[in-house]
PDB file of N, CA and C in Angstrom:
ATOM      1  N   MET A   1      64.673  80.737 114.208  1.00  0.00           N
ATOM      2  CA  MET A   1      65.736  80.705 115.014  1.00  0.00           C
ATOM      3  C   MET A   1      65.482  79.942 116.170  1.00  0.00           C
ATOM      4  N   LYS A   2      66.420  79.346 116.870  1.00  0.00           N
ATOM      5  CA  LYS A   2      65.662  78.551 118.168  1.00  0.00           C
ATOM      6  C   LYS A   2      66.352  79.468 119.328  1.00  0.00           C
ATOM      7  N   THR A   3      65.919  79.235 120.614  1.00  0.00           N
ATOM      8  CA  THR A   3      66.492  80.183 121.921  1.00  0.00           C
ATOM      9  C   THR A   3      67.019  79.306 122.720  1.00  0.00           C
ATOM     10  N   ILE A   4      67.806  79.393 123.252  1.00  0.00           N
ATOM     11  CA  ILE A   4      68.511  78.667 124.395  1.00  0.00           C
ATOM     12  C   ILE A   4      68.923  79.124 125.456  1.00  0.00           C
ATOM     13  N   PRO A   5      68.322  78.828 126.387  1.00  0.00           N
ATOM     14  CA  PRO A   5      68.433  79.628 127.694  1.00  0.00           C
ATOM     15  C   PRO A   5      69.479  79.148 128.279  1.00  0.00           C
ATOM     16  N   TYR A   6      70.341  80.250 128.815  1.00  0.00           N
ATOM     17  CA  TYR A   6      71.639  79.903 129.735  1.00  0.00           C
ATOM     18  C   TYR A   6      71.456  80.569 131.224  1.00  0.00           C
ATOM     19  N   ARG A   7      71.506  79.261 132.406  1.00  0.00           N
ATOM     20  CA  ARG A   7      71.093  80.385 133.607  1.00  0.00           C
ATOM     21  C   ARG A   7      72.785  80.186 134.306  1.00  0.00           C
ATOM     22  N   CYS A   8      73.004  81.238 135.035  1.00  0.00           N
ATOM     23  CA  CYS A   8      74.165  81.529 135.598  1.00  0.00           C
ATOM     24  C   CYS A   8      74.013  82.253 136.845  1.00  0.00           C
ATOM     25  N   ASP A   9      74.753  82.516 137.791  1.00  0.00           N
ATOM     26  CA  ASP A   9      74.583  83.189 139.115  1.00  0.00           C
ATOM     27  C   ASP A   9      74.776  84.629 138.926  1.00  0.00           C
ATOM     28  N   ASP A  10      74.695  85.256 139.617  1.00  0.00           N
ATOM     29  CA  ASP A  10      74.543  86.963 139.740  1.00  0.00           C
ATOM     30  C   ASP A  10      75.858  87.272 139.371  1.00  0.00           C
ATOM     31  N   SER A  11      77.093  86.721 140.157  1.00  0.00           N
ATOM     32  CA  SER A  11      78.248  87.101 139.598  1.00  0.00           C
ATOM     33  C   SER A  11      78.844  86.917 138.297  1.00  0.00           C
ATOM     34  N   ARG A  12      78.248  85.683 137.760  1.00  0.00           N
ATOM     35  CA  ARG A  12      78.724  85.268 136.259  1.00  0.00           C
ATOM     36  C   ARG A  12      77.999  86.231 135.144  1.00  0.00           C
ATOM     37  N   HIS A  13      76.575  86.390 135.756  1.00  0.00           N
ATOM     38  CA  HIS A  13      75.784  87.536 134.990  1.00  0.00           C
ATOM     39  C   HIS A  13      76.322  89.267 134.768  1.00  0.00           C
ATOM     40  N   LYS A  14      77.065  89.372 136.185  1.00  0.00           N
ATOM     41  CA  LYS A  14      77.794  90.548 136.143  1.00  0.00           C
ATOM     42  C   LYS A  14      79.050  90.620 135.358  1.00  0.00           C
ATOM     43  N   ALA A  15      79.700  89.735 135.488  1.00  0.00           N
ATOM     44  CA  ALA A  15      80.765  89.480 134.683  1.00  0.00           C
ATOM     45  C   ALA A  15      80.603  89.664 132.758  1.00  0.00           C
ATOM     46  N   LEU A  16      79.629  89.000 132.413  1.00  0.00           N
ATOM     47  CA  LEU A  16      78.767  88.734 131.208  1.00  0.00           C
ATOM     48  C   LEU A  16      78.522  90.348 131.030  1.00  0.00           C
ATOM     49  N   LEU A  17      78.013  90.752 131.758  1.00  0.00           N
ATOM     50  CA  LEU A  17      77.763  92.096 131.207  1.00  0.00           C
ATOM     51  C   LEU A  17      78.486  92.996 131.133  1.00  0.00           C
ATOM     52  N   GLY A  18      79.610  92.828 131.912  1.00  0.00           N
ATOM     53  CA  GLY A  18      80.670  94.016 132.184  1.00  0.00           C
ATOM     54  C   GLY A  18      81.269  93.519 130.552  1.00  0.00           C
ATOM     55  N   ALA A  19      82.431  92.032 130.089  1.00  0.00           N
ATOM     56  CA  ALA A  19      82.160  91.968 128.899  1.00  0.00           C
ATOM     57  C   ALA A  19      81.924  92.041 127.879  1.00  0.00           C
ATOM     58  N   ALA A  20      80.719  92.431 127.887  1.00  0.00           N
ATOM     59  CA  ALA A  20      79.700  92.866 126.798  1.00  0.00           C
ATOM     60  C   ALA A  20      79.630  94.566 126.579  1.00  0.00           C
ATOM     61  N   ARG A  21      79.928  94.757 127.728  1.00  0.00           N
ATOM     62  CA  ARG A  21      80.037  96.194 127.427  1.00  0.00           C
ATOM     63  C   ARG A  21      81.377  96.786 127.417  1.00  0.00           C
ATOM     64  N   SER A  22      82.323  96.172 127.901  1.00  0.00           N
ATOM     65  CA  SER A  22      83.970  96.746 127.277  1.00  0.00           C
ATOM     66  C   SER A  22      83.835  96.404 125.950  1.00  0.00           C
ATOM     67  N   ASN A  23      83.230  95.518 125.554  1.00  0.00           N
ATOM     68  CA  ASN A  23      82.866  95.059 123.725  1.00  0.00           C
ATOM     69  C   ASN A  23      82.461  96.035 123.186  1.00  0.00           C
ATOM     70  N   GLY A  24      81.240  96.647 123.637  1.00  0.00           N
ATOM     71  CA  GLY A  24      80.644  97.712 123.000  1.00  0.00           C
ATOM     72  C   GLY A  24      79.569  96.761 122.341  1.00  0.00           C
ATOM     73  N   THR A  25      78.787  95.927 123.302  1.00  0.00           N
ATOM     74  CA  THR A  25      78.040  94.840 122.480  1.00  0.00           C
ATOM     75  C   THR A  25      77.146  94.398 123.184  1.00  0.00           C
ATOM     76  N   SER A  26      75.883  93.637 123.214  1.00  0.00           N
ATOM     77  CA  SER A  26      75.392  92.824 124.111  1.00  0.00           C
ATOM     78  C   SER A  26      75.702  91.695 124.478  1.00  0.00           C
ATOM     79  N   VAL A  27      74.785  91.195 125.429  1.00  0.00           N
ATOM     80  CA  VAL A  27      75.549  89.756 125.766  1.00  0.00           C
ATOM     81  C   VAL A  27      74.932  88.905 124.870  1.00  0.00           C
ATOM     82  N   GLN A  28      73.641  88.897 124.294  1.00  0.00           N
ATOM     83  CA  GLN A  28      73.721  88.200 123.128  1.00  0.00           C
ATOM     84  C   GLN A  28      74.674  87.960 122.210  1.00  0.00           C
ATOM     85  N   ARG A  29      74.828  88.964 121.729  1.00  0.00           N
ATOM     86  CA  ARG A  29      76.284  89.228 120.617  1.00  0.00           C
ATOM     87  C   ARG A  29      77.378  88.426 121.067  1.00  0.00           C
ATOM     88  N   LEU A  30      77.570  88.753 122.651  1.00  0.00           N
ATOM     89  CA  LEU A  30      78.885  88.070 122.963  1.00  0.00           C
ATOM     90  C   LEU A  30      78.512  86.495 123.059  1.00  0.00           C
ATOM     91  N   PHE A  31      77.365  85.961 123.357  1.00  0.00           N
ATOM     92  CA  PHE A  31      77.376  84.563 123.110  1.00  0.00           C
ATOM     93  C   PHE A  31      77.425  84.080 121.534  1.00  0.00           C
ATOM     94  N   ASP A  32      76.937  84.959 120.532  1.00  0.00           N
ATOM     95  CA  ASP A  32      76.548  84.471 119.276  1.00  0.00           C
ATOM     96  C   ASP A  32      78.202  84.524 118.888  1.00  0.00           C
ATOM     97  N   ASN A  33      78.839  85.315 119.285  1.00  0.00           N
ATOM     98  CA  ASN A  33      80.554  85.341 119.113  1.00  0.00           C
ATOM     99  C   ASN A  33      81.068  84.282 119.348  1.00  0.00           C
ATOM    100  N   PHE A  34      80.610  83.702 120.627  1.00  0.00           N
ATOM    101  CA  PHE A  34      81.296  82.595 121.163  1.00  0.00           C
ATOM    102  C   PHE A  34      80.860  81.439 120.463  1.00  0.00           C
ATOM    103  N   VAL A  35      79.856  81.304 120.398  1.00  0.00           N
ATOM    104  CA  VAL A  35      79.195  80.276 119.788  1.00  0.00           C
ATOM    105  C   VAL A  35      79.835  79.926 118.050  1.00  0.00           C
ATOM    106  N   THR A  36      80.017  81.133 117.271  1.00  0.00           N
ATOM    107  CA  THR A  36      80.342  81.100 115.803  1.00  0.00           C
ATOM    108  C   THR A  36      81.692  80.913 115.984  1.00  0.00           C
ATOM    109  N   HIS A  37      83.166  81.130 117.038  1.00  0.00           N
ATOM    110  CA  HIS A  37      84.031  80.887 117.230  1.00  0.00           C
ATOM    111  C   HIS A  37      84.013  79.178 117.489  1.00  0.00           C
ATOM    112  N   VAL A  38      83.476  78.728 118.258  1.00  0.00           N
ATOM    113  CA  VAL A  38      83.164  77.138 118.376  1.00  0.00           C
ATOM    114  C   VAL A  38      82.820  76.684 117.248  1.00  0.00           C
ATOM    115  N   ILE A  39      82.260  77.084 116.551  1.00  0.00           N
ATOM    116  CA  ILE A  39      81.662  75.693 115.318  1.00  0.00           C
ATOM    117  C   ILE A  39      82.751  76.439 114.546  1.00  0.00           C
ATOM    118  N   THR A  40      83.338  77.440 113.855  1.00  0.00           N
ATOM    119  CA  THR A  40      84.314  77.464 113.447  1.00  0.00           C
ATOM    120  C   THR A  40      86.166  76.426 113.569  1.00  0.00           C
ATOM    121  N   GLU A  41      85.634  76.555 115.242  1.00  0.00           N
ATOM    122  CA  GLU A  41      87.240  75.834 115.091  1.00  0.00           C
ATOM    123  C   GLU A  41      86.814  74.065 114.958  1.00  0.00           C
ATOM    124  N   ARG A  42      85.397  73.809 115.339  1.00  0.00           N
ATOM    125  CA  ARG A  42      85.335  72.293 114.902  1.00  0.00           C
ATOM    126  C   ARG A  42      85.056  72.038 113.468  1.00  0.00           C
ATOM    127  N   GLN A  43      85.149  73.147 112.799  1.00  0.00           N
ATOM    128  CA  GLN A  43      85.052  72.914 111.190  1.00  0.00           C
ATOM    129  C   GLN A  43      86.836  72.682 110.485  1.00  0.00           C
ATOM    130  N   ALA A  44      87.432  73.655 111.329  1.00  0.00           N
ATOM    131  CA  ALA A  44      88.618  73.848 110.662  1.00  0.00           C
ATOM    132  C   ALA A  44      89.157  72.651 111.293  1.00  0.00           C
ATOM    133  N   GLU A  45      88.715  71.910 112.671  1.00  0.00           N
ATOM    134  CA  GLU A  45      89.625  70.443 113.047  1.00  0.00           C
ATOM    135  C   GLU A  45      88.932  69.631 112.326  1.00  0.00           C
ATOM    136  N   ALA A  46      87.890  69.559 111.741  1.00  0.00           N
ATOM    137  CA  ALA A  46      86.979  68.586 110.392  1.00  0.00           C
ATOM    138  C   ALA A  46      88.172  68.548 109.308  1.00  0.00           C
ATOM    139  N   ARG A  47      88.327  70.047 108.866  1.00  0.00           N
ATOM    140  CA  ARG A  47      89.066  69.699 107.639  1.00  0.00           C
ATOM    141  C   ARG A  47      90.364  69.295 107.670  1.00  0.00           C
ATOM    142  N   PHE A  48      90.970  69.699 108.962  1.00  0.00           N
ATOM    143  CA  PHE A  48      92.428  68.608 109.346  1.00  0.00           C
ATOM    144  C   PHE A  48      91.963  67.373 109.372  1.00  0.00           C
ATOM    145  N   VAL A  49      91.485  66.882 109.910  1.00  0.00           N
ATOM    146  CA  VAL A  49      91.243  65.580 109.750  1.00  0.00           C
ATOM    147  C   VAL A  49      91.230  64.737 108.775  1.00  0.00           C
ATOM    148  N   ALA A  50      89.799  65.623 107.408  1.00  0.00           N
ATOM    149  CA  ALA A  50      90.023  64.895 106.366  1.00  0.00           C
ATOM    150  C   ALA A  50      91.302  65.195 105.481  1.00  0.00           C
ATOM    151  N   ARG A  51      91.898  65.918 105.460  1.00  0.00           N
ATOM    152  CA  ARG A  51      93.294  66.399 104.913  1.00  0.00           C
ATOM    153  C   ARG A  51      94.422  65.098 105.323  1.00  0.00           C
ATOM    154  N   GLN A  52      94.226  64.898 107.009  1.00  0.00           N
ATOM    155  CA  GLN A  52      95.248  64.196 107.204  1.00  0.00           C
ATOM    156  C   GLN A  52      94.965  62.714 107.130  1.00  0.00           C
ATOM    157  N   LYS A  53      93.578  62.513 106.945  1.00  0.00           N
ATOM    158  CA  LYS A  53      93.206  60.940 106.107  1.00  0.00           C
ATOM    159  C   LYS A  53      93.625  60.965 104.563  1.00  0.00           C
ATOM    160  N   ARG A  54      93.762  62.042 103.660  1.00  0.00           N
ATOM    161  CA  ARG A  54      93.955  62.284 102.653  1.00  0.00           C
ATOM    162  C   ARG A  54      95.808  61.568 102.360  1.00  0.00           C
ATOM    163  N   GLY A  55      96.242  61.728 103.457  1.00  0.00           N
ATOM    164  CA  GLY A  55      97.436  61.596 103.275  1.00  0.00           C
ATOM    165  C   GLY A  55      98.600  62.657 103.434  1.00  0.00           C
ATOM    166  N   ASN A  56      98.265  63.801 103.275  1.00  0.00           N
ATOM    167  CA  ASN A  56      99.443  64.716 103.571  1.00  0.00           C
ATOM    168  C   ASN A  56      99.294  65.789 104.707  1.00  0.00           C
ATOM    169  N   PRO A  57      99.749  64.756 106.026  1.00  0.00           N
ATOM    170  CA  PRO A  57      99.892  65.616 107.122  1.00  0.00           C
ATOM    171  C   PRO A  57     100.771  66.770 107.508  1.00  0.00           C
ATOM    172  N   ALA A  58     101.829  66.727 106.933  1.00  0.00           N
ATOM    173  CA  ALA A  58     102.841  68.025 106.604  1.00  0.00           C
ATOM    174  C   ALA A  58     101.777  69.128 106.618  1.00  0.00           C
ATOM    175  N   HIS A  59     101.043  69.239 105.446  1.00  0.00           N
ATOM    176  CA  HIS A  59      99.884  70.308 105.384  1.00  0.00           C
ATOM    177  C   HIS A  59      99.197  70.580 106.190  1.00  0.00           C
ATOM    178  N   GLY A  60      98.231  69.512 106.612  1.00  0.00           N
ATOM    179  CA  GLY A  60      97.713  69.299 107.702  1.00  0.00           C
ATOM    180  C   GLY A  60      97.992  70.210 109.619  1.00  0.00           C
ATOM    181  N   ARG A  61      99.417  69.976 109.411  1.00  0.00           N
ATOM    182  CA  ARG A  61     100.021  70.498 110.887  1.00  0.00           C
ATOM    183  C   ARG A  61     100.301  71.962 110.494  1.00  0.00           C
ATOM    184  N   ARG A  62     100.619  72.443 109.325  1.00  0.00           N
ATOM    185  CA  ARG A  62     100.534  73.738 109.072  1.00  0.00           C
ATOM    186  C   ARG A  62      99.439  74.196 108.909  1.00  0.00           C
ATOM    187  N   LEU A  63      98.359  73.858 108.605  1.00  0.00           N
ATOM    188  CA  LEU A  63      96.901  74.316 108.659  1.00  0.00           C
ATOM    189  C   LEU A  63      96.729  74.536 110.324  1.00  0.00           C
ATOM    190  N   LEU A  64      96.837  73.688 110.839  1.00  0.00           N
ATOM    191  CA  LEU A  64      96.660  73.683 112.330  1.00  0.00           C
ATOM    192  C   LEU A  64      97.313  74.868 113.234  1.00  0.00           C
ATOM    193  N   ASN A  65      98.508  74.835 112.580  1.00  0.00           N
ATOM    194  CA  ASN A  65      99.859  75.719 112.829  1.00  0.00           C
ATOM    195  C   ASN A  65      99.081  76.830 113.134  1.00  0.00           C
ATOM    196  N   ALA A  66      98.676  77.120 111.733  1.00  0.00           N
ATOM    197  CA  ALA A  66      98.160  78.669 111.299  1.00  0.00           C
ATOM    198  C   ALA A  66      97.032  78.832 112.234  1.00  0.00           C
ATOM    199  N   ILE A  67      95.991  77.926 112.531  1.00  0.00           N
ATOM    200  CA  ILE A  67      94.816  78.503 113.173  1.00  0.00           C
ATOM    201  C   ILE A  67      95.039  78.401 114.383  1.00  0.00           C
ATOM    202  N   ARG A  68      96.270  77.788 115.179  1.00  0.00           N
ATOM    203  CA  ARG A  68      96.110  78.073 116.996  1.00  0.00           C
ATOM    204  C   ARG A  68      97.095  79.728 116.763  1.00  0.00           C
ATOM    205  N   GLU A  69      97.904  80.176 115.749  1.00  0.00           N
ATOM    206  CA  GLU A  69      98.133  81.136 115.804  1.00  0.00           C
ATOM    207  C   GLU A  69      97.281  82.303 116.036  1.00  0.00           C
ATOM    208  N   ARG A  70      96.239  82.000 114.574  1.00  0.00           N
ATOM    209  CA  ARG A  70      95.197  82.886 114.678  1.00  0.00           C
ATOM    210  C   ARG A  70      94.415  82.700 115.986  1.00  0.00           C
ATOM    211  N   LEU A  71      94.263  82.127 116.797  1.00  0.00           N
ATOM    212  CA  LEU A  71      93.143  81.740 117.757  1.00  0.00           C
ATOM    213  C   LEU A  71      94.056  82.397 118.738  1.00  0.00           C
ATOM    214  N   ALA A  72      95.549  82.522 119.020  1.00  0.00           N
ATOM    215  CA  ALA A  72      96.354  82.720 119.888  1.00  0.00           C
ATOM    216  C   ALA A  72      96.632  84.340 120.023  1.00  0.00           C
ATOM    217  N   SER A  73      96.398  84.809 118.765  1.00  0.00           N
ATOM    218  CA  SER A  73      96.335  86.238 118.349  1.00  0.00           C
ATOM    219  C   SER A  73      95.036  87.052 118.850  1.00  0.00           C
ATOM    220  N   ARG A  74      94.275  86.514 118.530  1.00  0.00           N
ATOM    221  CA  ARG A  74      92.835  87.030 118.727  1.00  0.00           C
ATOM    222  C   ARG A  74      92.540  87.106 120.707  1.00  0.00           C
ATOM    223  N   ALA A  75      93.103  85.810 121.230  1.00  0.00           N
ATOM    224  CA  ALA A  75      92.935  85.800 122.467  1.00  0.00           C
ATOM    225  C   ALA A  75      94.136  86.862 122.919  1.00  0.00           C
ATOM    226  N   LYS A  76      94.990  87.199 122.640  1.00  0.00           N
ATOM    227  CA  LYS A  76      95.769  88.333 122.993  1.00  0.00           C
ATOM    228  C   LYS A  76      95.296  89.660 122.806  1.00  0.00           C
ATOM    229  N   THR A  77      94.812  89.719 121.750  1.00  0.00           N
ATOM    230  CA  THR A  77      94.021  90.896 121.464  1.00  0.00           C
ATOM    231  C   THR A  77      92.904  91.297 122.203  1.00  0.00           C
ATOM    232  N   GLN A  78      91.904  90.202 122.629  1.00  0.00           N
ATOM    233  CA  GLN A  78      91.155  90.475 123.479  1.00  0.00           C
ATOM    234  C   GLN A  78      91.295  90.729 124.987  1.00  0.00           C
ATOM    235  N   LYS A  79      92.439  89.901 125.329  1.00  0.00           N
ATOM    236  CA  LYS A  79      93.300  90.305 126.897  1.00  0.00           C
ATOM    237  C   LYS A  79      93.483  91.863 126.837  1.00  0.00           C
ATOM    238  N   THR A  80      94.234  92.502 125.536  1.00  0.00           N
ATOM    239  CA  THR A  80      94.605  93.600 125.741  1.00  0.00           C
ATOM    240  C   THR A  80      93.425  94.588 125.708  1.00  0.00           C
ATOM    241  N   ARG A  81      92.225  94.177 125.188  1.00  0.00           N
ATOM    242  CA  ARG A  81      90.995  95.067 125.145  1.00  0.00           C
ATOM    243  C   ARG A  81      90.834  95.152 126.765  1.00  0.00           C
ATOM    244  N   ASP A  82      90.443  93.447 127.262  1.00  0.00           N
ATOM    245  CA  ASP A  82      90.156  93.520 128.315  1.00  0.00           C
ATOM    246  C   ASP A  82      90.689  94.543 129.424  1.00  0.00           C
ATOM    247  N   ALA A  83      92.273  94.523 129.284  1.00  0.00           N
ATOM    248  CA  ALA A  83      92.993  95.072 130.208  1.00  0.00           C
ATOM    249  C   ALA A  83      92.967  96.894 130.261  1.00  0.00           C
ATOM    250  N   MET A  84      92.818  97.105 128.938  1.00  0.00           N
ATOM    251  CA  MET A  84      92.054  98.433 128.641  1.00  0.00           C
ATOM    252  C   MET A  84      90.532  99.085 129.411  1.00  0.00           C
ATOM    253  N   GLY A  85      89.674  97.952 129.199  1.00  0.00           N
ATOM    254  CA  GLY A  85      88.333  98.679 129.415  1.00  0.00           C
ATOM    255  C   GLY A  85      88.266  98.609 130.557  1.00  0.00           C
TER     256      GLY A  85
END
């Protein structure tokens, strides 16, 4: 396992701690979730590009729209949680 240091100012650190606490998790887990999300999004994009190259753009667009809807839904859920927190 690798360690990736992250430097931030005090206000950003305080905001990260608040976000983690409001989610009932640690800052480490918050970063892990973020990284997982970014990697998953890039993998989905790679699958989309591969399908697009195989010549079925309509199917690829449907997949991309489904991904965007899931991401928007997650963002909306997160905003609701943040507002309640």
